[in-house]
Protein backbone atom coordinates (compact mmCIF):
# COMPACT_ATOMS: atom_id res chain seq x y z
CA UNK A 1 -43.15 41.14 65.45
CA UNK A 2 -46.20 41.64 67.41
CA UNK A 3 -46.25 45.92 68.57
CA UNK A 4 -46.11 46.62 72.29
CA UNK A 5 -49.54 47.49 73.38
CA UNK A 6 -51.33 46.86 76.55
CA UNK A 7 -47.83 47.15 78.30
CA UNK A 8 -49.04 50.57 80.46
CA UNK A 9 -49.62 48.12 83.48
CA UNK A 10 -45.81 48.23 83.77
CA UNK A 11 -46.12 52.00 84.76
CA UNK A 12 -47.86 51.31 88.14
CA UNK A 13 -45.93 48.57 89.19
CA UNK A 14 -43.22 49.92 91.79
CA UNK A 15 -39.93 48.97 90.01
CA UNK A 16 -38.95 47.69 93.41
CA UNK A 17 -41.17 44.94 92.93
CA UNK A 18 -39.08 42.46 91.05
CA UNK A 19 -41.74 39.25 91.43
CA UNK A 20 -44.87 41.39 90.51
CA UNK A 21 -43.41 42.27 87.45
CA UNK A 22 -41.74 39.59 86.24
CA UNK A 23 -45.20 37.65 86.74
CA UNK A 24 -47.47 40.18 85.23
CA UNK A 25 -45.30 40.45 82.54
CA UNK A 26 -44.77 36.17 81.98
CA UNK A 27 -49.17 36.53 82.31
CA UNK A 28 -48.95 39.29 79.12
CA UNK A 29 -46.52 37.06 77.47
CA UNK A 30 -49.60 34.41 77.25
CA UNK A 31 -51.31 36.64 75.06
CA UNK A 32 -48.64 38.11 73.58
CA UNK A 33 -45.60 35.67 72.48
CA UNK A 34 -44.41 37.56 69.98
CA UNK A 35 -43.92 40.65 71.58
CA UNK A 36 -40.51 41.39 71.48
CA UNK A 37 -40.62 44.52 74.06
CA UNK A 38 -41.93 41.92 76.70
CA UNK A 39 -39.20 39.63 76.52
CA UNK A 40 -37.02 42.43 76.52
CA UNK A 41 -38.47 43.58 80.08
CA UNK A 42 -38.96 40.20 81.43
CA UNK A 43 -34.82 40.05 80.44
CA UNK A 44 -34.14 43.03 82.13
CA UNK A 45 -36.13 42.03 85.19
CA UNK A 46 -34.62 39.46 85.59
CA UNK A 47 -31.60 40.76 85.66
CA UNK A 48 -31.93 43.09 88.48
CA UNK A 49 -32.62 39.70 90.26
CA UNK A 50 -30.02 37.94 91.88
CA UNK A 51 -28.96 34.64 90.27
CA UNK A 52 -31.36 34.76 87.75
CA UNK A 53 -28.58 35.10 84.51
CA UNK A 54 -30.10 31.78 83.12
CA UNK A 55 -33.69 33.29 82.92
CA UNK A 56 -32.53 36.83 81.67
CA UNK A 57 -30.62 34.76 79.18
CA UNK A 58 -33.50 32.92 77.48
CA UNK A 59 -35.78 36.03 77.67
CA UNK A 60 -33.24 37.96 76.01
CA UNK A 61 -32.94 35.17 73.19
CA UNK A 62 -36.23 35.21 72.36
CA UNK A 63 -36.66 39.09 72.39
CA UNK A 64 -33.23 38.34 69.78
CA UNK A 65 -35.62 35.98 67.94
CA UNK A 66 -38.28 38.45 67.85
CA UNK A 67 -36.91 41.51 66.25
CA UNK A 68 -33.22 40.98 65.67
CA UNK A 69 -32.50 44.12 64.88
CA UNK A 70 -32.94 45.64 67.91
CA UNK A 71 -29.61 45.62 69.62
CA UNK A 72 -30.69 46.51 73.09
CA UNK A 73 -31.72 42.83 73.69
CA UNK A 74 -28.17 41.96 72.59
CA UNK A 75 -26.42 43.99 75.10
CA UNK A 76 -28.80 42.34 77.57
CA UNK A 77 -28.02 39.04 76.60
CA UNK A 78 -24.04 39.72 76.86
CA UNK A 79 -25.26 40.90 80.31
CA UNK A 80 -26.68 37.34 81.10
CA UNK A 81 -23.70 35.79 80.34
CA UNK A 82 -21.66 34.98 83.60
CA UNK A 83 -17.98 35.31 81.73
CA UNK A 84 -15.82 34.44 85.37
CA UNK A 85 -17.69 31.04 85.38
CA UNK A 86 -16.76 30.12 81.41
CA UNK A 87 -13.62 29.12 79.97
CA UNK A 88 -12.15 30.49 77.28
CA UNK A 89 -13.14 28.09 74.69
CA UNK A 90 -16.86 28.38 76.03
CA UNK A 91 -17.04 31.71 75.68
CA UNK A 92 -15.52 31.74 72.04
CA UNK A 93 -18.47 28.91 71.13
CA UNK A 94 -20.99 30.56 72.83
CA UNK A 95 -20.21 34.39 70.95
CA UNK A 96 -18.59 33.42 67.78
CA UNK A 97 -22.15 32.74 65.67
CA UNK A 98 -24.04 36.10 67.17
CA UNK A 99 -23.88 39.25 64.53
CA UNK A 100 -23.89 42.58 65.88
CA UNK A 101 -21.85 41.57 69.00
CA UNK A 102 -21.73 44.71 71.16
CA UNK A 103 -18.53 46.53 72.22
CA UNK A 104 -19.04 45.75 75.81
CA UNK A 105 -18.17 42.34 74.27
CA UNK A 106 -14.83 42.72 73.72
CA UNK A 107 -14.12 45.51 76.57
CA UNK A 108 -14.80 42.63 79.15
CA UNK A 109 -13.33 40.09 77.51
CA UNK A 110 -10.25 42.25 77.03
CA UNK A 111 -10.04 42.22 81.10
CA UNK A 112 -11.21 38.73 81.79
CA UNK A 113 -9.44 37.03 79.39
CA UNK A 114 -6.62 39.14 78.20
CA UNK A 115 -4.60 36.11 76.33
CA UNK A 116 -7.73 34.11 75.45
CA UNK A 117 -6.43 31.31 72.95
CA UNK A 118 -3.45 29.25 72.73
CA UNK A 119 -0.48 31.19 71.22
CA UNK A 120 -1.53 34.38 70.97
CA UNK A 121 0.38 37.68 72.98
CA UNK A 122 -1.45 39.30 75.56
CA UNK A 123 -4.56 41.27 74.61
CA UNK A 124 -4.76 39.86 71.51
CA UNK A 125 -8.08 37.34 72.93
CA UNK A 126 -10.48 40.06 72.07
CA UNK A 127 -9.14 40.98 68.59
CA UNK A 128 -9.31 36.99 67.42
CA UNK A 129 -13.19 37.21 68.28
CA UNK A 130 -13.69 39.77 66.94
CA UNK A 131 -11.85 39.20 63.32
CA UNK A 132 -13.57 35.63 63.64
CA UNK A 133 -16.74 36.98 64.06
CA UNK A 134 -16.30 39.39 61.13
CA UNK A 135 -15.15 36.32 58.77
CA UNK A 136 -17.92 34.96 60.14
CA UNK A 137 -20.53 37.47 59.51
CA UNK A 138 -18.20 39.72 56.55
CA UNK A 139 -21.60 41.09 55.39
CA UNK A 140 -22.28 42.31 59.04
CA UNK A 141 -21.56 46.49 58.85
CA UNK A 142 -21.20 45.79 63.32
CA UNK A 143 -18.82 42.89 62.91
CA UNK A 144 -16.55 44.86 60.92
CA UNK A 145 -16.54 47.92 62.51
CA UNK A 146 -16.04 46.32 66.02
CA UNK A 147 -13.17 44.58 64.56
CA UNK A 148 -11.74 47.77 63.10
CA UNK A 149 -12.03 49.59 66.62
CA UNK A 150 -9.98 46.96 67.90
CA UNK A 151 -7.68 47.77 65.29
CA UNK A 152 -7.26 51.58 65.61
CA UNK A 153 -6.79 51.17 69.49
CA UNK A 154 -3.27 49.22 68.55
CA UNK A 155 -2.47 51.57 65.95
CA UNK A 156 -3.10 49.68 62.88
CA UNK A 157 -4.54 52.65 60.98
CA UNK A 158 -4.49 51.18 57.46
CA UNK A 159 -5.99 47.98 58.39
CA UNK A 160 -8.62 49.60 60.33
CA UNK A 161 -9.66 51.92 57.56
CA UNK A 162 -9.46 48.86 55.01
CA UNK A 163 -11.45 46.88 57.03
CA UNK A 164 -13.95 49.87 57.33
CA UNK A 165 -14.26 51.12 53.67
CA UNK A 166 -15.36 46.82 53.13
CA UNK A 167 -18.66 47.14 55.29
CA UNK A 168 -19.65 50.85 54.31
CA UNK A 169 -21.77 49.61 51.51
CA UNK A 170 -23.99 47.46 53.95
CA UNK A 171 -24.39 50.29 56.27
CA UNK A 172 -28.02 51.90 55.51
CA UNK A 173 -27.78 55.38 54.05
CA UNK A 174 -29.14 58.08 56.20
CA UNK A 175 -31.52 58.88 53.02
CA UNK A 176 -33.30 55.86 53.69
CA UNK A 177 -34.50 56.91 56.91
CA UNK A 178 -38.15 58.49 57.82
CA UNK A 179 -39.73 60.46 60.95
CA UNK A 180 -42.05 57.42 60.78
CA UNK A 181 -39.29 54.81 60.14
CA UNK A 182 -37.48 56.26 63.12
CA UNK A 183 -40.35 55.89 65.31
CA UNK A 184 -41.32 51.90 65.03
CA UNK A 185 -37.64 51.41 64.57
CA UNK A 186 -35.82 53.61 66.47
CA UNK A 187 -33.10 50.76 68.01
CA UNK A 188 -31.78 49.79 64.42
CA UNK A 189 -31.47 53.65 63.94
CA UNK A 190 -29.67 54.22 66.73
CA UNK A 191 -27.27 51.54 65.95
CA UNK A 192 -27.04 52.93 62.47
CA UNK A 193 -26.36 56.45 63.11
CA UNK A 194 -23.32 54.90 65.51
CA UNK A 195 -21.88 53.13 62.35
CA UNK A 196 -21.69 56.08 60.57
CA UNK A 197 -20.57 57.39 63.15
CA UNK A 198 -17.80 55.16 64.11
CA UNK A 199 -16.56 54.81 60.42
CA UNK A 200 -16.15 58.73 60.04
CA UNK A 201 -13.59 58.29 63.04
CA UNK A 202 -11.55 55.43 62.03
CA UNK A 203 -12.01 56.68 58.44
CA UNK A 204 -10.36 60.46 59.88
CA UNK A 205 -7.48 58.90 62.19
CA UNK A 206 -6.59 56.98 59.14
CA UNK A 207 -6.56 60.33 57.08
CA UNK A 208 -8.76 58.91 54.74
CA UNK A 209 -11.00 62.29 55.07
CA UNK A 210 -13.63 62.70 51.96
CA UNK A 211 -14.54 59.22 53.07
CA UNK A 212 -14.73 60.09 56.87
CA UNK A 213 -16.44 63.61 55.64
CA UNK A 214 -19.13 61.39 54.11
CA UNK A 215 -19.91 59.20 57.00
CA UNK A 216 -19.93 62.28 59.31
CA UNK A 217 -22.58 63.68 56.93
CA UNK A 218 -24.77 60.23 57.54
CA UNK A 219 -24.03 60.37 61.27
CA UNK A 220 -25.12 63.98 61.86
CA UNK A 221 -28.81 63.65 59.62
CA UNK A 222 -29.30 60.65 62.16
CA UNK A 223 -28.23 62.27 65.07
CA UNK A 224 -30.88 65.27 64.42
CA UNK A 225 -33.45 63.03 63.55
CA UNK A 226 -33.04 61.24 67.31
CA UNK A 227 -32.91 64.46 68.70
CA UNK A 228 -29.22 63.73 70.23
CA UNK A 229 -27.90 66.73 71.93
CA UNK A 230 -24.51 67.98 70.26
CA UNK A 231 -21.12 65.56 70.94
CA UNK A 232 -17.67 64.32 69.94
CA UNK A 233 -19.33 64.02 66.38
CA UNK A 234 -19.88 67.57 65.88
CA UNK A 235 -16.13 68.41 67.09
CA UNK A 236 -14.84 64.96 64.65
CA UNK A 237 -17.08 66.27 61.50
CA UNK A 238 -16.14 70.06 61.78
CA UNK A 239 -12.44 69.31 62.40
CA UNK A 240 -12.80 66.73 59.19
CA UNK A 241 -15.02 69.68 57.44
CA UNK A 242 -11.75 72.25 58.00
CA UNK A 243 -8.98 69.72 56.96
CA UNK A 244 -10.78 69.11 53.47
CA UNK A 245 -11.58 72.74 52.31
CA UNK A 246 -15.06 72.77 53.37
CA UNK A 247 -14.92 75.86 55.57
CA UNK A 248 -18.46 76.68 54.52
CA UNK A 249 -19.70 73.41 56.14
CA UNK A 250 -18.03 74.02 58.91
CA UNK A 251 -19.07 77.08 60.26
CA UNK A 252 -22.40 76.52 58.92
CA UNK A 253 -22.54 73.40 61.37
CA UNK A 254 -20.55 75.37 64.30
CA UNK A 255 -23.82 78.08 64.01
CA UNK A 256 -26.03 74.97 63.72
CA UNK A 257 -24.94 73.97 67.02
CA UNK A 258 -24.54 77.23 68.43
CA UNK A 259 -28.28 77.91 67.98
CA UNK A 260 -28.98 74.23 70.07
CA UNK A 261 -29.67 75.75 73.94
CA UNK A 262 -27.53 72.74 75.26
CA UNK A 263 -25.66 73.99 78.44
CA UNK A 264 -21.78 74.29 78.19
CA UNK A 265 -21.75 73.35 74.80
CA UNK A 266 -22.48 76.45 72.62
CA UNK A 267 -19.33 78.47 74.20
CA UNK A 268 -17.25 75.50 72.79
CA UNK A 269 -18.59 75.83 69.28
CA UNK A 270 -18.37 80.08 69.07
CA UNK A 271 -14.80 79.26 70.03
CA UNK A 272 -14.16 77.01 67.41
CA UNK A 273 -16.06 78.64 64.50
CA UNK A 274 -13.36 81.67 65.57
CA UNK A 275 -11.06 79.37 65.55
CA UNK A 276 -12.19 78.06 61.74
CA UNK A 277 -12.48 81.59 60.66
CA UNK A 278 -9.10 83.15 61.97
CA UNK A 279 -7.02 79.73 60.66
CA UNK A 280 -8.60 80.15 57.19
CA UNK A 281 -7.51 83.88 57.19
CA UNK A 282 -11.89 85.10 56.94
CA UNK A 283 -10.33 87.75 59.56
CA UNK A 284 -12.97 90.54 58.67
CA UNK A 285 -15.82 87.55 59.43
CA UNK A 286 -13.31 86.23 62.63
CA UNK A 287 -14.27 89.75 63.95
CA UNK A 288 -17.62 90.37 62.94
CA UNK A 289 -18.27 86.94 64.52
CA UNK A 290 -16.71 88.00 67.81
CA UNK A 291 -18.36 91.03 68.14
CA UNK A 292 -21.63 89.03 67.71
CA UNK A 293 -20.40 86.35 70.41
CA UNK A 294 -19.48 89.62 72.67
CA UNK A 295 -23.08 91.27 72.50
CA UNK A 296 -25.19 88.13 71.93
CA UNK A 297 -23.29 85.00 74.24
CA UNK A 298 -23.41 84.71 77.83
CA UNK A 299 -20.81 82.22 78.82
CA UNK A 300 -16.96 82.65 80.14
CA UNK A 301 -14.75 81.60 77.63
CA UNK A 302 -15.62 83.69 74.23
CA UNK A 303 -14.20 86.69 75.99
CA UNK A 304 -10.91 85.48 75.81
CA UNK A 305 -10.08 86.32 72.11
CA UNK A 306 -9.86 89.36 72.78
CA UNK A 307 -6.33 90.03 72.29
CA UNK A 308 -6.43 88.19 68.93
CA UNK A 309 -8.93 90.02 67.35
CA UNK A 310 -7.76 93.24 69.18
CA UNK A 311 -4.01 92.89 67.51
CA UNK A 312 -5.40 92.22 63.85
CA UNK A 313 -7.21 95.45 64.08
CA UNK A 314 -4.39 97.50 65.22
CA UNK A 315 -1.99 95.99 62.63
CA UNK A 316 -4.99 96.53 60.09
CA UNK A 317 -4.54 100.14 61.60
CA UNK A 318 -8.11 100.47 61.99
CA UNK A 319 -8.16 102.58 64.94
CA UNK A 320 -11.53 103.46 65.25
CA UNK A 321 -12.78 99.87 65.03
CA UNK A 322 -10.13 98.14 67.54
CA UNK A 323 -11.30 101.18 70.29
CA UNK A 324 -15.25 100.58 69.92
CA UNK A 325 -14.32 97.28 70.14
CA UNK A 326 -12.06 96.78 72.87
CA UNK A 327 -14.39 99.02 75.17
CA UNK A 328 -17.10 96.65 74.55
CA UNK A 329 -15.47 94.10 75.50
CA UNK A 330 -15.29 96.34 78.48
CA UNK A 331 -18.77 96.91 78.96
CA UNK A 332 -19.95 93.18 78.77
CA UNK A 333 -16.62 91.75 80.62
CA UNK A 334 -18.74 91.50 83.92
CA UNK A 335 -21.44 89.42 82.26
CA UNK A 336 -18.84 86.88 80.86
CA UNK A 337 -16.44 86.47 83.98
CA UNK A 338 -17.53 88.38 87.40
CA UNK A 339 -15.02 88.84 89.35
CA UNK A 340 -16.49 86.49 92.16
CA UNK A 341 -16.46 83.80 90.02
CA UNK A 342 -12.61 83.76 87.73
CA UNK A 343 -10.74 86.52 89.44
CA UNK A 344 -7.26 84.78 88.17
CA UNK A 345 -8.58 84.95 84.72
CA UNK A 346 -10.20 88.48 85.12
CA UNK A 347 -6.98 89.57 86.74
CA UNK A 348 -4.89 88.17 83.87
CA UNK A 349 -6.86 89.52 81.01
CA UNK A 350 -8.39 92.91 81.63
CA UNK A 351 -5.09 94.44 82.11
CA UNK A 352 -3.91 93.60 78.48
CA UNK A 353 -7.03 95.39 77.49
CA UNK A 354 -6.54 98.25 79.44
CA UNK A 355 -2.97 97.82 78.04
CA UNK A 356 -4.21 97.48 74.45
CA UNK A 357 -6.84 100.49 74.89
CA UNK A 358 -4.39 102.74 75.95
CA UNK A 359 -2.25 102.34 72.51
CA UNK A 360 -5.43 102.82 70.30
CA UNK A 361 -6.37 105.92 71.76
CA UNK A 362 -2.39 106.83 72.01
CA UNK A 363 -2.97 106.20 68.14
CA UNK A 364 -6.17 108.23 67.21
CA UNK A 365 -4.62 111.29 69.28
CA UNK A 366 -6.71 110.69 72.26
CA UNK A 367 -3.69 111.08 75.00
CA UNK A 368 -5.80 111.76 78.08
CA UNK A 369 -8.17 108.56 77.11
CA UNK A 370 -4.70 106.67 77.24
CA UNK A 371 -3.36 107.80 80.03
CA UNK A 372 -6.17 107.21 81.92
CA UNK A 373 -6.44 103.13 80.49
CA UNK A 374 -2.93 102.87 81.63
CA UNK A 375 -2.96 104.68 84.91
CA UNK A 376 -5.47 101.26 85.28
CA UNK A 377 -2.85 99.16 84.47
CA UNK A 378 -0.31 100.06 86.95
CA UNK A 379 -2.78 98.08 89.85
CA UNK A 380 -2.16 95.29 87.90
CA UNK A 381 -0.43 92.47 90.27
CA UNK A 382 1.60 91.22 86.57
CA UNK A 383 4.14 93.08 86.69
CA UNK A 384 5.48 92.97 83.08
CA UNK A 385 2.02 94.42 82.04
CA UNK A 386 2.16 97.26 84.61
CA UNK A 387 5.75 97.80 83.57
CA UNK A 388 4.96 98.59 80.13
CA UNK A 389 2.39 100.35 81.12
CA UNK A 390 4.93 102.19 82.84
CA UNK A 391 6.47 102.98 79.97
CA UNK A 392 3.93 103.88 78.01
CA UNK A 393 2.97 106.44 80.56
CA UNK A 394 6.79 107.77 80.33
CA UNK A 395 7.17 108.26 76.91
CA UNK A 396 4.10 109.47 76.34
CA UNK A 397 5.07 112.90 79.13
CA UNK A 398 7.91 113.07 77.45
CA UNK A 399 6.43 114.04 74.26
CA UNK A 400 3.44 115.38 75.67
């Protein structure tokens, strides 16, 4: 396989000049006939040019010959096929010998040929192709995983997990990948990462949690090598680690994701970390983590946990700590939920916090402070919370 040197000229050509790009790439291929990237670029350019499916298909086939590990060319080849002009038998004959068929093939077949073989019930055409393709390529993990995903979609969980465990030995171990290797064969690394992730997800659904956790660890390692942003992979991995009792590993993964500056993700994993600690009964760590989140996290979700934390502190009669905690929440509330941004949530939560603060101050003997807090609640539109504050004030007046 030739290295794709000398293709910088494409940067100077307008993207809309398809004829010009085709001509220049063809000139380049005369001198570099074994450059898979150039053949792939040619195929992609033909795809963008209406009516050039046959030319695109031929270019992608040559790219697959020059670099059989790059599944991007295989995806382009599938896109060059015109399923609407093919009989189901022709589709079968065209696709059957091809390993590493991308999932888009099966999605298309489920739509175009819902019953694409004699004797099959509607929707089983794609499953038959996946099964036959896997039997033809039993040592190809992608063929097995595509078959397993279709079984999973049909809730045949044990069959799907059995297929996954059959192909696991053929998926490269994440330890085999180094930074230099990834730079030279990125598409293979991407495919391998997705294979570990898909295997973990299927095994998790079948409740084979130890095996799922192992696959998620491989997928996470490759995701970090590839500089992927956090996604559902981390969510599934945390859930699996918790269920097998690896609480520290789950918390460490939460902390790792929280530290990655991705807008819109950090609060979900702050929330998940708090849930993990609470469910594991590690309540002191839970309180510390929440206080840290209040002080450090600028997002609108963290503050919603105030009720659970304050209830725990009150149950433990840690009154001074509870007061400090509630006052910290109130001091930071405008940063988390400015009234013009989340007025319904502010209206819902803030009165309950003042009601709780009043109870805590009462327990500490600060009746004046308790009354001040409850008077704030009287202005709430939540009739139930306001009634509780009114009752507390009446009791406090009778007693004091």
